[in-house]
Amino acid sequence: MTIDVASAETNIVCFEVNNAAKWVSELKDRGVLANTMSPTTVRLVTHKDVGDEDIRYALLQLADVAGRLAG
């Protein structure tokens, strides 16, 4: 998984994976809500009530899921 943070100009982050539904399920189990846009695209959105700690938590969970599903 690669995200080009420098090019992000929105509160929406989309990324490509092999199985988006599995990612969304794994993230939901960890309290991070995401949606699929296609079988291989995951979409995350922040809003004004999402703070820095929430973002850090979500990033940690994303990294952990990436490690688990990479194999």
C-alpha atoms as a PDB file:
ATOM      1  CA  MET A   1       0.000   0.000   0.000  1.00  0.00           C
ATOM      2  CA  THR A   2       1.325   3.434  -0.930  1.00  0.00           C
ATOM      3  CA  ILE A   3      -0.243   6.816  -0.219  1.00  0.00           C
ATOM      4  CA  ASP A   4       1.233   9.988  -1.695  1.00  0.00           C
ATOM      5  CA  VAL A   5       0.555  12.340   1.225  1.00  0.00           C
ATOM      6  CA  ALA A   6       2.079  15.349  -0.531  1.00  0.00           C
ATOM      7  CA  SER A   7      -0.532  15.193  -3.285  1.00  0.00           C
ATOM      8  CA  ALA A   8      -3.506  14.984  -0.913  1.00  0.00           C
ATOM      9  CA  GLU A   9      -5.674  18.113  -1.024  1.00  0.00           C
ATOM     10  CA  THR A  10      -8.835  16.663   0.467  1.00  0.00           C
ATOM     11  CA  ASN A  11     -10.194  14.881   3.514  1.00  0.00           C
ATOM     12  CA  ILE A  12     -10.798  11.759   1.393  1.00  0.00           C
ATOM     13  CA  VAL A  13      -8.136   9.069   1.052  1.00  0.00           C
ATOM     14  CA  CYS A  14      -8.525   6.186  -1.389  1.00  0.00           C
ATOM     15  CA  PHE A  15      -6.060   3.365  -1.872  1.00  0.00           C
ATOM     16  CA  GLU A  16      -5.800   0.158  -3.876  1.00  0.00           C
ATOM     17  CA  VAL A  17      -5.463  -3.273  -2.274  1.00  0.00           C
ATOM     18  CA  ASN A  18      -6.101  -6.864  -3.362  1.00  0.00           C
ATOM     19  CA  ASN A  19      -9.306  -7.309  -1.330  1.00  0.00           C
ATOM     20  CA  ALA A  20     -11.030  -4.088  -0.257  1.00  0.00           C
ATOM     21  CA  ALA A  21     -13.875  -5.864   1.574  1.00  0.00           C
ATOM     22  CA  LYS A  22     -11.368  -7.704   3.781  1.00  0.00           C
ATOM     23  CA  TRP A  23      -9.589  -4.444   4.596  1.00  0.00           C
ATOM     24  CA  VAL A  24     -12.858  -2.716   5.479  1.00  0.00           C
ATOM     25  CA  SER A  25     -13.834  -5.632   7.721  1.00  0.00           C
ATOM     26  CA  GLU A  26     -10.456  -5.721   9.479  1.00  0.00           C
ATOM     27  CA  LEU A  27     -10.506  -1.961  10.008  1.00  0.00           C
ATOM     28  CA  LYS A  28     -14.078  -2.021  11.336  1.00  0.00           C
ATOM     29  CA  ASP A  29     -13.050  -4.656  13.899  1.00  0.00           C
ATOM     30  CA  ARG A  30     -10.485  -2.105  15.116  1.00  0.00           C
ATOM     31  CA  GLY A  31     -12.911   0.819  15.261  1.00  0.00           C
ATOM     32  CA  VAL A  32     -11.826   2.442  11.991  1.00  0.00           C
ATOM     33  CA  LEU A  33     -14.697   2.943   9.553  1.00  0.00           C
ATOM     34  CA  ALA A  34     -13.979   2.708   5.833  1.00  0.00           C
ATOM     35  CA  ASN A  35     -15.902   1.837   2.679  1.00  0.00           C
ATOM     36  CA  THR A  36     -15.183   0.003  -0.524  1.00  0.00           C
ATOM     37  CA  MET A  37     -15.410   1.886  -3.804  1.00  0.00           C
ATOM     38  CA  SER A  38     -14.628  -1.204  -5.859  1.00  0.00           C
ATOM     39  CA  PRO A  39     -13.392  -4.710  -5.102  1.00  0.00           C
ATOM     40  CA  THR A  40      -9.876  -3.269  -4.862  1.00  0.00           C
ATOM     41  CA  THR A  41     -10.400   0.318  -3.628  1.00  0.00           C
ATOM     42  CA  VAL A  42     -10.773   1.393   0.012  1.00  0.00           C
ATOM     43  CA  ARG A  43     -12.056   4.879   0.886  1.00  0.00           C
ATOM     44  CA  LEU A  44     -11.464   6.720   4.173  1.00  0.00           C
ATOM     45  CA  VAL A  45     -12.895  10.144   5.036  1.00  0.00           C
ATOM     46  CA  THR A  46     -12.175  12.504   7.912  1.00  0.00           C
ATOM     47  CA  HIS A  47     -14.335  15.335   9.186  1.00  0.00           C
ATOM     48  CA  LYS A  48     -14.159  18.157  11.727  1.00  0.00           C
ATOM     49  CA  ASP A  49     -14.774  15.808  14.668  1.00  0.00           C
ATOM     50  CA  VAL A  50     -11.770  13.634  13.816  1.00  0.00           C
ATOM     51  CA  GLY A  51      -8.756  14.834  15.776  1.00  0.00           C
ATOM     52  CA  ASP A  52      -5.032  14.215  15.614  1.00  0.00           C
ATOM     53  CA  GLU A  53      -5.208  11.279  18.041  1.00  0.00           C
ATOM     54  CA  ASP A  54      -7.948   9.681  15.938  1.00  0.00           C
ATOM     55  CA  ILE A  55      -5.784  10.027  12.836  1.00  0.00           C
ATOM     56  CA  ARG A  56      -2.765   8.532  14.615  1.00  0.00           C
ATOM     57  CA  TYR A  57      -4.900   5.610  15.804  1.00  0.00           C
ATOM     58  CA  ALA A  58      -6.279   5.019  12.308  1.00  0.00           C
ATOM     59  CA  LEU A  59      -2.760   5.094  10.825  1.00  0.00           C
ATOM     60  CA  LEU A  60      -1.528   2.549  13.367  1.00  0.00           C
ATOM     61  CA  GLN A  61      -4.455   0.290  12.539  1.00  0.00           C
ATOM     62  CA  LEU A  62      -3.878   0.698   8.798  1.00  0.00           C
ATOM     63  CA  ALA A  63      -0.232  -0.258   9.233  1.00  0.00           C
ATOM     64  CA  ASP A  64      -1.168  -3.304  11.298  1.00  0.00           C
ATOM     65  CA  VAL A  65      -3.800  -4.451   8.796  1.00  0.00           C
ATOM     66  CA  ALA A  66      -1.309  -3.934   5.966  1.00  0.00           C
ATOM     67  CA  GLY A  67       1.167  -6.167   7.784  1.00  0.00           C
ATOM     68  CA  ARG A  68      -1.442  -8.859   8.400  1.00  0.00           C
ATOM     69  CA  LEU A  69      -2.873  -8.878   4.889  1.00  0.00           C
ATOM     70  CA  ALA A  70       0.401  -8.479   2.995  1.00  0.00           C
ATOM     71  CA  GLY A  71       1.111 -12.203   3.011  1.00  0.00           C
END
